[in-house]
Amino acid sequence: MDDETAPQKGTVTQRAIERIKAMIAEGRLEPGQRLPTERDLAAQLGISRSSMREAIRALTVLGVLEARHGSGIYVTRLEAGDLLETFGVVADLSRGPRLVELLEIRRILESTATALAAARISGDELAEVEKHLAAMNATEDPEEIIAHDLAFHRVIAVAAGNETMAAILEGLSSRTFRARVWRGYQEEGAFARTRREHAAIHRALAAHDPEAARAAAAAHVGEVEQWLWAQLGPQDMPGARGAVAT
């Protein structure tokens, strides 16, 4: 018989997850290190192999562990991008007010990242930003615009020099949502406005002006927030929350 009844199983599995996380946090398991066998680790933690299997599966989904065929289970490199990869699913699946909440988070982080980038961006990175800006301005194809828009903001996030923040922004930069926004902008003839916003961000980066960069990025994402609110039905309006701040 397993070490738990069915109603307790989730609790035991969660305990196993926390124990493995603690082993990593305490340095008993290092990035890239192979775990003991499922049987040995289950015995070490005093739980059943089925609970251990579930814990390993959950940590694999979260990017903490990885299975290598014929070799065993290993701790990943524990890089922010890997650990936060599932965050992007939230952005892809969110709708309505929840999506606006994510945009609020993105506005805060992206304005900070852009300010940091203005102080830290290298010549090569600035050239990359300029390349994607020029490409966005040279086409009316939404797919090409979306690809260069993503790349434009990704270069800036990396230039900020904070890998964790860049990974979070990557998760918030849902291609699905960007496609929806750009299609909406195309229908409304609003491409010119968003191109001006991107140009303002670029000017602030080129001038190495953190506060101008912060303001330009906040205004850009704030415009997207306002556009999204305009697409929502009356039942989704802020109501008691008050209007979205920009």
Protein backbone atom coordinates (compact mmCIF):
# COMPACT_ATOMS: atom_id res chain seq x y z
CA MET A 1 0.00 0.00 0.00
CA ASP A 2 1.17 3.54 -0.72
CA ASP A 3 2.22 5.80 2.14
CA GLU A 4 -0.98 7.81 1.82
CA THR A 5 -4.65 7.38 1.08
CA ALA A 6 -6.07 8.96 -2.06
CA PRO A 7 -7.34 12.15 -0.36
CA GLN A 8 -3.87 12.79 1.09
CA LYS A 9 -1.96 12.15 -2.08
CA GLY A 10 -1.80 15.75 -3.27
CA THR A 11 -0.48 16.83 0.11
CA VAL A 12 2.25 14.18 0.10
CA THR A 13 3.23 15.04 -3.45
CA GLN A 14 3.40 18.73 -2.58
CA ARG A 15 5.60 17.90 0.40
CA ALA A 16 7.92 15.98 -1.91
CA ILE A 17 8.07 18.95 -4.28
CA GLU A 18 8.97 21.28 -1.42
CA ARG A 19 11.64 18.88 -0.14
CA ILE A 20 13.30 18.65 -3.55
CA LYS A 21 13.16 22.44 -3.93
CA ALA A 22 14.76 22.77 -0.49
CA MET A 23 17.55 20.38 -1.50
CA ILE A 24 18.27 22.61 -4.50
CA ALA A 25 18.03 25.86 -2.52
CA GLU A 26 20.40 24.49 0.13
CA GLY A 27 22.94 23.37 -2.46
CA ARG A 28 22.52 19.64 -1.87
CA LEU A 29 21.42 19.41 -5.48
CA GLU A 30 23.24 21.70 -7.91
CA PRO A 31 22.17 22.90 -11.38
CA GLY A 32 23.00 20.17 -13.87
CA GLN A 33 23.33 17.48 -11.18
CA ARG A 34 21.70 14.09 -11.60
CA LEU A 35 19.09 13.15 -8.99
CA PRO A 36 19.23 9.85 -7.12
CA THR A 37 17.03 7.18 -8.64
CA GLU A 38 13.31 7.51 -8.12
CA ARG A 39 13.39 4.59 -5.67
CA ASP A 40 16.30 5.96 -3.66
CA LEU A 41 14.90 9.48 -3.49
CA ALA A 42 11.47 8.20 -2.47
CA ALA A 43 13.07 6.15 0.31
CA GLN A 44 15.19 9.13 1.38
CA LEU A 45 12.09 11.34 1.68
CA GLY A 46 9.93 8.60 3.17
CA ILE A 47 7.22 8.64 0.51
CA SER A 48 5.91 6.24 -2.11
CA ARG A 49 7.40 5.99 -5.58
CA SER A 50 4.08 7.07 -7.10
CA SER A 51 4.14 10.32 -5.10
CA MET A 52 7.79 10.84 -6.02
CA ARG A 53 6.94 10.28 -9.67
CA GLU A 54 4.22 12.94 -9.50
CA ALA A 55 6.56 15.39 -7.77
CA ILE A 56 9.24 14.87 -10.43
CA ARG A 57 6.66 15.32 -13.18
CA ALA A 58 5.43 18.59 -11.65
CA LEU A 59 8.96 19.97 -11.24
CA THR A 60 9.75 18.98 -14.82
CA VAL A 61 6.76 20.96 -16.09
CA LEU A 62 7.96 23.93 -14.03
CA GLY A 63 11.42 23.75 -15.62
CA VAL A 64 13.21 22.78 -12.40
CA LEU A 65 14.01 19.21 -13.46
CA GLU A 66 14.55 17.58 -16.83
CA ALA A 67 14.48 13.97 -17.96
CA ARG A 68 17.36 12.81 -20.15
CA HIS A 69 16.54 9.67 -22.06
CA GLY A 70 18.55 6.72 -20.83
CA SER A 71 20.37 8.83 -18.28
CA GLY A 72 17.96 9.90 -15.56
CA ILE A 73 16.49 13.04 -14.01
CA TYR A 74 18.64 16.16 -13.70
CA VAL A 75 18.32 19.58 -12.16
CA THR A 76 18.09 22.11 -14.99
CA ARG A 77 20.37 25.12 -15.30
CA LEU A 78 17.69 26.97 -13.30
CA GLU A 79 17.82 29.94 -15.62
CA ALA A 80 15.05 32.48 -15.25
CA GLY A 81 13.83 31.98 -18.81
CA ASP A 82 13.32 28.26 -18.25
CA LEU A 83 11.64 28.65 -14.87
CA LEU A 84 9.28 31.37 -16.09
CA GLU A 85 8.46 29.79 -19.44
CA THR A 86 5.03 28.60 -18.26
CA PHE A 87 4.22 32.20 -17.34
CA GLY A 88 3.63 32.87 -21.02
CA VAL A 89 0.70 30.46 -21.01
CA VAL A 90 -1.14 32.83 -18.65
CA ALA A 91 -0.72 35.70 -21.11
CA ASP A 92 -1.82 33.56 -24.05
CA LEU A 93 -4.98 32.30 -22.33
CA SER A 94 -6.05 35.41 -20.40
CA ARG A 95 -8.99 37.47 -21.58
CA GLY A 96 -10.82 40.64 -20.63
CA PRO A 97 -9.92 42.37 -17.36
CA ARG A 98 -7.29 39.74 -16.54
CA LEU A 99 -5.45 40.67 -19.71
CA VAL A 100 -5.55 44.33 -18.69
CA GLU A 101 -4.06 43.33 -15.33
CA LEU A 102 -1.19 41.66 -17.15
CA LEU A 103 -0.70 44.79 -19.24
CA GLU A 104 -0.52 46.87 -16.07
CA ILE A 105 2.28 44.61 -14.86
CA ARG A 106 3.97 44.83 -18.23
CA ARG A 107 3.73 48.65 -18.20
CA ILE A 108 5.47 48.82 -14.83
CA LEU A 109 8.22 46.36 -15.74
CA GLU A 110 8.74 47.49 -19.31
CA SER A 111 9.09 51.15 -18.35
CA THR A 112 11.69 50.16 -15.74
CA ALA A 113 13.51 47.87 -18.19
CA THR A 114 13.56 50.58 -20.85
CA ALA A 115 14.95 53.12 -18.36
CA LEU A 116 17.70 50.68 -17.38
CA ALA A 117 18.41 49.94 -21.03
CA ALA A 118 18.83 53.65 -21.76
CA ALA A 119 21.67 53.72 -19.24
CA ARG A 120 23.23 50.39 -20.21
CA ILE A 121 22.53 49.70 -23.88
CA SER A 122 25.57 48.94 -26.03
CA GLY A 123 26.19 50.21 -29.52
CA ASP A 124 25.46 46.79 -31.01
CA GLU A 125 22.20 46.49 -29.07
CA LEU A 126 21.12 49.97 -30.14
CA ALA A 127 21.83 48.99 -33.74
CA GLU A 128 19.57 45.95 -33.27
CA VAL A 129 16.79 48.17 -31.92
CA GLU A 130 17.20 50.47 -34.95
CA LYS A 131 17.12 47.51 -37.33
CA HIS A 132 13.81 46.23 -35.99
CA LEU A 133 12.33 49.73 -35.85
CA ALA A 134 13.24 50.29 -39.51
CA ALA A 135 11.78 46.91 -40.45
CA MET A 136 8.49 47.72 -38.67
CA ASN A 137 8.31 51.03 -40.52
CA ALA A 138 9.03 49.42 -43.89
CA THR A 139 6.11 46.98 -44.00
CA GLU A 140 2.35 46.82 -43.66
CA ASP A 141 2.37 43.03 -43.20
CA PRO A 142 1.02 42.35 -39.66
CA GLU A 143 3.05 39.15 -39.29
CA GLU A 144 6.30 40.93 -40.10
CA ILE A 145 5.38 43.83 -37.85
CA ILE A 146 4.59 41.49 -34.94
CA ALA A 147 7.89 39.64 -35.37
CA HIS A 148 9.93 42.86 -35.37
CA ASP A 149 7.84 44.36 -32.56
CA LEU A 150 8.63 41.36 -30.37
CA ALA A 151 12.30 41.53 -31.31
CA PHE A 152 12.42 45.31 -30.70
CA HIS A 153 11.17 44.94 -27.13
CA ARG A 154 13.21 41.78 -26.50
CA VAL A 155 16.49 43.54 -27.35
CA ILE A 156 15.57 46.36 -24.97
CA ALA A 157 14.70 43.94 -22.16
CA VAL A 158 18.03 42.14 -22.58
CA ALA A 159 19.90 45.46 -22.72
CA ALA A 160 18.46 46.31 -19.30
CA GLY A 161 20.86 43.72 -17.88
CA ASN A 162 18.37 41.94 -15.62
CA GLU A 163 17.79 38.37 -16.82
CA THR A 164 14.86 37.72 -14.50
CA MET A 165 13.00 40.85 -15.57
CA ALA A 166 13.69 40.02 -19.21
CA ALA A 167 12.26 36.53 -18.69
CA ILE A 168 9.10 37.90 -17.06
CA LEU A 169 8.63 40.39 -19.88
CA GLU A 170 9.12 37.61 -22.40
CA GLY A 171 6.28 35.73 -20.72
CA LEU A 172 4.08 38.82 -20.75
CA SER A 173 4.84 39.48 -24.43
CA SER A 174 2.25 37.09 -25.79
CA ARG A 175 2.50 36.79 -29.58
CA THR A 176 -1.19 35.86 -29.63
CA PHE A 177 -2.17 39.09 -27.89
CA ARG A 178 0.22 41.23 -29.93
CA ALA A 179 -1.34 39.83 -33.11
CA ARG A 180 -4.78 40.84 -31.85
CA VAL A 181 -3.58 44.36 -31.02
CA TRP A 182 -1.80 44.87 -34.34
CA ARG A 183 -4.85 43.62 -36.28
CA GLY A 184 -6.99 46.07 -34.32
CA TYR A 185 -4.55 48.89 -35.00
CA GLN A 186 -4.56 48.00 -38.69
CA GLU A 187 -8.37 48.17 -38.84
CA GLU A 188 -8.36 51.52 -37.02
CA GLY A 189 -5.52 52.97 -39.08
CA ALA A 190 -3.47 53.39 -35.90
CA PHE A 191 -0.16 52.09 -37.22
CA ALA A 192 1.21 55.64 -37.45
CA ARG A 193 0.59 56.27 -33.75
CA THR A 194 2.31 53.13 -32.52
CA ARG A 195 5.22 53.78 -34.88
CA ARG A 196 5.63 57.20 -33.28
CA GLU A 197 5.63 55.53 -29.86
CA HIS A 198 8.37 53.12 -30.93
CA ALA A 199 10.35 56.00 -32.39
CA ALA A 200 10.09 57.90 -29.08
CA ILE A 201 11.46 54.88 -27.23
CA HIS A 202 14.34 54.64 -29.69
CA ARG A 203 15.19 58.34 -29.37
CA ALA A 204 15.36 58.05 -25.59
CA LEU A 205 17.61 55.00 -25.85
CA ALA A 206 19.89 56.71 -28.36
CA ALA A 207 20.11 59.75 -26.07
CA HIS A 208 20.82 57.48 -23.08
CA ASP A 209 18.03 59.30 -21.23
CA PRO A 210 16.52 56.89 -18.66
CA GLU A 211 13.60 59.10 -17.63
CA ALA A 212 12.57 59.85 -21.20
CA ALA A 213 12.84 56.13 -21.95
CA ARG A 214 10.71 55.28 -18.92
CA ALA A 215 8.02 57.76 -19.96
CA ALA A 216 8.01 56.64 -23.59
CA ALA A 217 7.66 52.96 -22.68
CA ALA A 218 4.92 53.65 -20.12
CA ALA A 219 2.99 55.72 -22.65
CA HIS A 220 3.33 52.99 -25.28
CA VAL A 221 1.98 50.19 -23.09
CA GLY A 222 -0.60 52.57 -21.60
CA GLU A 223 -1.99 53.15 -25.11
CA VAL A 224 -2.38 49.39 -25.52
CA GLU A 225 -4.23 49.22 -22.19
CA GLN A 226 -6.63 51.94 -23.32
CA TRP A 227 -7.14 50.21 -26.66
CA LEU A 228 -7.99 46.96 -24.89
CA TRP A 229 -10.48 48.64 -22.53
CA ALA A 230 -12.18 50.06 -25.62
CA GLN A 231 -12.63 46.52 -26.97
CA LEU A 232 -14.22 45.18 -23.79
CA GLY A 233 -17.94 45.11 -23.13
CA PRO A 234 -19.66 47.27 -20.48
CA GLN A 235 -19.64 44.34 -18.06
CA ASP A 236 -15.85 44.34 -18.16
CA MET A 237 -15.34 48.05 -17.54
CA PRO A 238 -13.43 49.11 -14.41
CA GLY A 239 -16.52 50.31 -12.53
CA ALA A 240 -15.66 50.57 -8.86
CA ARG A 241 -11.98 50.10 -9.60
CA GLY A 242 -11.82 53.40 -11.42
CA ALA A 243 -10.22 54.02 -14.76
CA VAL A 244 -6.92 52.43 -15.68
CA ALA A 245 -4.08 54.82 -14.94
CA THR A 246 -1.61 55.68 -17.64
